[in-house]
C-alpha atoms as a PDB file:
ATOM      1  CA  UNK A   1       2.019 144.655 -39.016  1.00  0.00           C
ATOM      2  CA  UNK A   2       4.946 146.216 -37.136  1.00  0.00           C
ATOM      3  CA  UNK A   3       3.275 149.633 -37.046  1.00  0.00           C
ATOM      4  CA  UNK A   4      -0.060 148.128 -35.939  1.00  0.00           C
ATOM      5  CA  UNK A   5       1.711 146.402 -33.037  1.00  0.00           C
ATOM      6  CA  UNK A   6       3.398 149.691 -32.185  1.00  0.00           C
ATOM      7  CA  UNK A   7       0.056 151.523 -32.206  1.00  0.00           C
ATOM      8  CA  UNK A   8      -1.602 148.933 -29.960  1.00  0.00           C
ATOM      9  CA  UNK A   9       1.414 148.800 -27.652  1.00  0.00           C
ATOM     10  CA  UNK A  10       1.425 152.588 -27.283  1.00  0.00           C
ATOM     11  CA  UNK A  11      -2.294 152.658 -26.449  1.00  0.00           C
ATOM     12  CA  UNK A  12      -2.036 149.826 -23.908  1.00  0.00           C
ATOM     13  CA  UNK A  13       1.092 151.345 -22.329  1.00  0.00           C
ATOM     14  CA  UNK A  14      -0.735 154.674 -22.018  1.00  0.00           C
ATOM     15  CA  UNK A  15      -3.742 152.958 -20.389  1.00  0.00           C
ATOM     16  CA  UNK A  16      -1.527 151.113 -17.902  1.00  0.00           C
ATOM     17  CA  UNK A  17       0.435 154.260 -17.057  1.00  0.00           C
ATOM     18  CA  UNK A  18      -2.588 156.503 -16.522  1.00  0.00           C
ATOM     19  CA  UNK A  19      -5.231 154.014 -15.401  1.00  0.00           C
ATOM     20  CA  UNK A  20      -6.081 152.822 -11.944  1.00  0.00           C
ATOM     21  CA  UNK A  21      -3.519 150.257 -10.734  1.00  0.00           C
ATOM     22  CA  UNK A  22      -6.355 148.226  -9.177  1.00  0.00           C
ATOM     23  CA  UNK A  23      -8.319 147.627 -12.387  1.00  0.00           C
ATOM     24  CA  UNK A  24      -7.400 145.802 -15.577  1.00  0.00           C
ATOM     25  CA  UNK A  25      -6.871 147.409 -18.956  1.00  0.00           C
ATOM     26  CA  UNK A  26      -9.277 145.928 -21.492  1.00  0.00           C
ATOM     27  CA  UNK A  27      -8.601 145.617 -25.223  1.00  0.00           C
ATOM     28  CA  UNK A  28     -11.526 144.846 -27.521  1.00  0.00           C
ATOM     29  CA  UNK A  29     -11.778 144.368 -31.287  1.00  0.00           C
ATOM     30  CA  UNK A  30     -14.959 144.243 -33.347  1.00  0.00           C
ATOM     31  CA  UNK A  31     -16.036 144.598 -36.951  1.00  0.00           C
ATOM     32  CA  UNK A  32     -19.195 145.483 -38.809  1.00  0.00           C
ATOM     33  CA  UNK A  33     -17.818 144.247 -42.129  1.00  0.00           C
ATOM     34  CA  UNK A  34     -16.853 147.719 -43.346  1.00  0.00           C
ATOM     35  CA  UNK A  35     -14.473 148.705 -40.593  1.00  0.00           C
ATOM     36  CA  UNK A  36     -12.547 147.258 -37.693  1.00  0.00           C
ATOM     37  CA  UNK A  37     -12.882 148.951 -34.315  1.00  0.00           C
ATOM     38  CA  UNK A  38     -10.159 148.492 -31.722  1.00  0.00           C
ATOM     39  CA  UNK A  39     -10.743 149.953 -28.258  1.00  0.00           C
ATOM     40  CA  UNK A  40      -8.501 150.228 -25.211  1.00  0.00           C
ATOM     41  CA  UNK A  41     -10.421 150.799 -21.954  1.00  0.00           C
ATOM     42  CA  UNK A  42      -9.036 151.778 -18.579  1.00  0.00           C
ATOM     43  CA  UNK A  43     -10.411 153.149 -15.356  1.00  0.00           C
ATOM     44  CA  UNK A  44      -8.777 156.123 -13.752  1.00  0.00           C
ATOM     45  CA  UNK A  45      -8.948 159.897 -13.623  1.00  0.00           C
ATOM     46  CA  UNK A  46     -11.002 161.651 -16.282  1.00  0.00           C
ATOM     47  CA  UNK A  47      -9.034 163.449 -18.999  1.00  0.00           C
ATOM     48  CA  UNK A  48     -10.294 167.068 -19.131  1.00  0.00           C
ATOM     49  CA  UNK A  49     -11.643 168.398 -22.449  1.00  0.00           C
ATOM     50  CA  UNK A  50      -8.798 170.898 -22.845  1.00  0.00           C
ATOM     51  CA  UNK A  51      -6.274 168.035 -22.605  1.00  0.00           C
ATOM     52  CA  UNK A  52      -8.252 165.869 -25.065  1.00  0.00           C
ATOM     53  CA  UNK A  53      -7.937 168.599 -27.698  1.00  0.00           C
ATOM     54  CA  UNK A  54      -4.135 168.304 -27.652  1.00  0.00           C
ATOM     55  CA  UNK A  55      -3.475 164.764 -26.412  1.00  0.00           C
ATOM     56  CA  UNK A  56      -2.512 163.412 -29.876  1.00  0.00           C
ATOM     57  CA  UNK A  57      -0.060 166.222 -30.630  1.00  0.00           C
ATOM     58  CA  UNK A  58       3.676 165.425 -30.561  1.00  0.00           C
ATOM     59  CA  UNK A  59       5.629 166.141 -27.385  1.00  0.00           C
ATOM     60  CA  UNK A  60       2.395 166.565 -25.411  1.00  0.00           C
ATOM     61  CA  UNK A  61       1.921 164.783 -22.103  1.00  0.00           C
ATOM     62  CA  UNK A  62      -0.969 164.969 -19.709  1.00  0.00           C
ATOM     63  CA  UNK A  63      -0.501 163.699 -16.163  1.00  0.00           C
ATOM     64  CA  UNK A  64      -3.575 163.883 -13.962  1.00  0.00           C
ATOM     65  CA  UNK A  65      -3.168 164.338 -10.238  1.00  0.00           C
ATOM     66  CA  UNK A  66      -2.147 161.049  -8.677  1.00  0.00           C
ATOM     67  CA  UNK A  67      -0.647 159.491 -11.820  1.00  0.00           C
ATOM     68  CA  UNK A  68       3.039 158.888 -12.172  1.00  0.00           C
ATOM     69  CA  UNK A  69       5.025 160.241 -15.087  1.00  0.00           C
ATOM     70  CA  UNK A  70       6.877 157.526 -16.941  1.00  0.00           C
ATOM     71  CA  UNK A  71      10.607 158.238 -16.841  1.00  0.00           C
ATOM     72  CA  UNK A  72      11.921 158.930 -20.316  1.00  0.00           C
ATOM     73  CA  UNK A  73       8.483 159.524 -21.815  1.00  0.00           C
ATOM     74  CA  UNK A  74       8.583 162.511 -24.149  1.00  0.00           C
ATOM     75  CA  UNK A  75       4.953 162.468 -25.271  1.00  0.00           C
ATOM     76  CA  UNK A  76       5.113 160.690 -28.622  1.00  0.00           C
ATOM     77  CA  UNK A  77       3.100 157.511 -27.945  1.00  0.00           C
ATOM     78  CA  UNK A  78      -0.375 158.842 -28.731  1.00  0.00           C
ATOM     79  CA  UNK A  79       0.965 160.929 -31.612  1.00  0.00           C
ATOM     80  CA  UNK A  80       2.510 157.815 -33.167  1.00  0.00           C
ATOM     81  CA  UNK A  81      -0.732 155.882 -32.613  1.00  0.00           C
ATOM     82  CA  UNK A  82      -2.649 158.605 -34.476  1.00  0.00           C
ATOM     83  CA  UNK A  83      -0.157 158.673 -37.326  1.00  0.00           C
ATOM     84  CA  UNK A  84      -0.314 154.886 -37.760  1.00  0.00           C
ATOM     85  CA  UNK A  85      -4.130 154.913 -37.751  1.00  0.00           C
ATOM     86  CA  UNK A  86      -4.362 157.712 -40.320  1.00  0.00           C
ATOM     87  CA  UNK A  87      -1.609 156.187 -42.482  1.00  0.00           C
ATOM     88  CA  UNK A  88      -3.831 153.108 -42.801  1.00  0.00           C
ATOM     89  CA  UNK A  89      -6.912 155.143 -43.738  1.00  0.00           C
ATOM     90  CA  UNK A  90      -8.370 155.137 -40.234  1.00  0.00           C
ATOM     91  CA  UNK A  91      -8.951 157.413 -37.292  1.00  0.00           C
ATOM     92  CA  UNK A  92      -8.406 157.496 -33.547  1.00  0.00           C
ATOM     93  CA  UNK A  93     -10.363 159.198 -30.798  1.00  0.00           C
ATOM     94  CA  UNK A  94     -10.797 159.245 -27.051  1.00  0.00           C
ATOM     95  CA  UNK A  95     -13.750 159.485 -24.698  1.00  0.00           C
ATOM     96  CA  UNK A  96     -13.121 160.067 -21.026  1.00  0.00           C
ATOM     97  CA  UNK A  97     -15.555 160.223 -18.138  1.00  0.00           C
ATOM     98  CA  UNK A  98     -15.667 159.623 -14.414  1.00  0.00           C
ATOM     99  CA  UNK A  99     -15.816 155.833 -14.817  1.00  0.00           C
ATOM    100  CA  UNK A 100     -13.391 155.115 -17.640  1.00  0.00           C
ATOM    101  CA  UNK A 101     -11.317 156.343 -20.557  1.00  0.00           C
ATOM    102  CA  UNK A 102     -11.602 154.651 -23.954  1.00  0.00           C
ATOM    103  CA  UNK A 103      -9.256 155.155 -26.893  1.00  0.00           C
ATOM    104  CA  UNK A 104     -10.911 153.920 -30.102  1.00  0.00           C
ATOM    105  CA  UNK A 105      -9.220 153.214 -33.433  1.00  0.00           C
ATOM    106  CA  UNK A 106     -11.342 152.698 -36.551  1.00  0.00           C
ATOM    107  CA  UNK A 107      -9.743 151.124 -39.616  1.00  0.00           C
ATOM    108  CA  UNK A 108     -11.290 150.303 -43.000  1.00  0.00           C
ATOM    109  CA  UNK A 109     -11.758 146.590 -43.682  1.00  0.00           C
ATOM    110  CA  UNK A 110     -12.027 144.665 -46.896  1.00  0.00           C
ATOM    111  CA  UNK A 111      -9.659 146.594 -49.092  1.00  0.00           C
ATOM    112  CA  UNK A 112      -5.932 146.365 -49.138  1.00  0.00           C
ATOM    113  CA  UNK A 113      -4.340 149.781 -48.894  1.00  0.00           C
ATOM    114  CA  UNK A 114      -0.648 150.366 -48.754  1.00  0.00           C
ATOM    115  CA  UNK A 115      -0.040 152.699 -45.840  1.00  0.00           C
ATOM    116  CA  UNK A 116       1.557 156.063 -46.407  1.00  0.00           C
ATOM    117  CA  UNK A 117       5.248 155.861 -45.609  1.00  0.00           C
ATOM    118  CA  UNK A 118       6.144 156.801 -42.034  1.00  0.00           C
ATOM    119  CA  UNK A 119       9.267 158.231 -40.435  1.00  0.00           C
ATOM    120  CA  UNK A 120      11.229 158.868 -43.606  1.00  0.00           C
ATOM    121  CA  UNK A 121      11.308 155.204 -44.670  1.00  0.00           C
ATOM    122  CA  UNK A 122      10.613 156.246 -48.256  1.00  0.00           C
ATOM    123  CA  UNK A 123      13.739 158.396 -48.218  1.00  0.00           C
ATOM    124  CA  UNK A 124      15.819 155.544 -46.778  1.00  0.00           C
ATOM    125  CA  UNK A 125      14.641 153.135 -49.481  1.00  0.00           C
ATOM    126  CA  UNK A 126      15.701 155.497 -52.268  1.00  0.00           C
ATOM    127  CA  UNK A 127      19.291 155.808 -51.034  1.00  0.00           C
END
């Protein structure tokens, strides 16, 4: 639950930071019975394709013209979101156009799966 909150927080924080300050960020959740889909929508500058290819890599930041860089941000938020999604058997993607940007997380539903250990916690528990 802690990692899911962290993933959602990172996606919403990213949308607020890079979206238009005059429009709300929208979070939606749906299910088709087999998987849960969580989407974070914001309006703002389009993310170019070359940036989308690397946006989930660690220490990578993309700041479109007119957006403000968050002080202290080192480019780990989207990387962490991806790692949490994949650790829970899911995936994350982004679509960006002139009207809006949408980050979408898909997670399997209906089966309990212990997530892969993150950030060395397995090592800490064996000490």
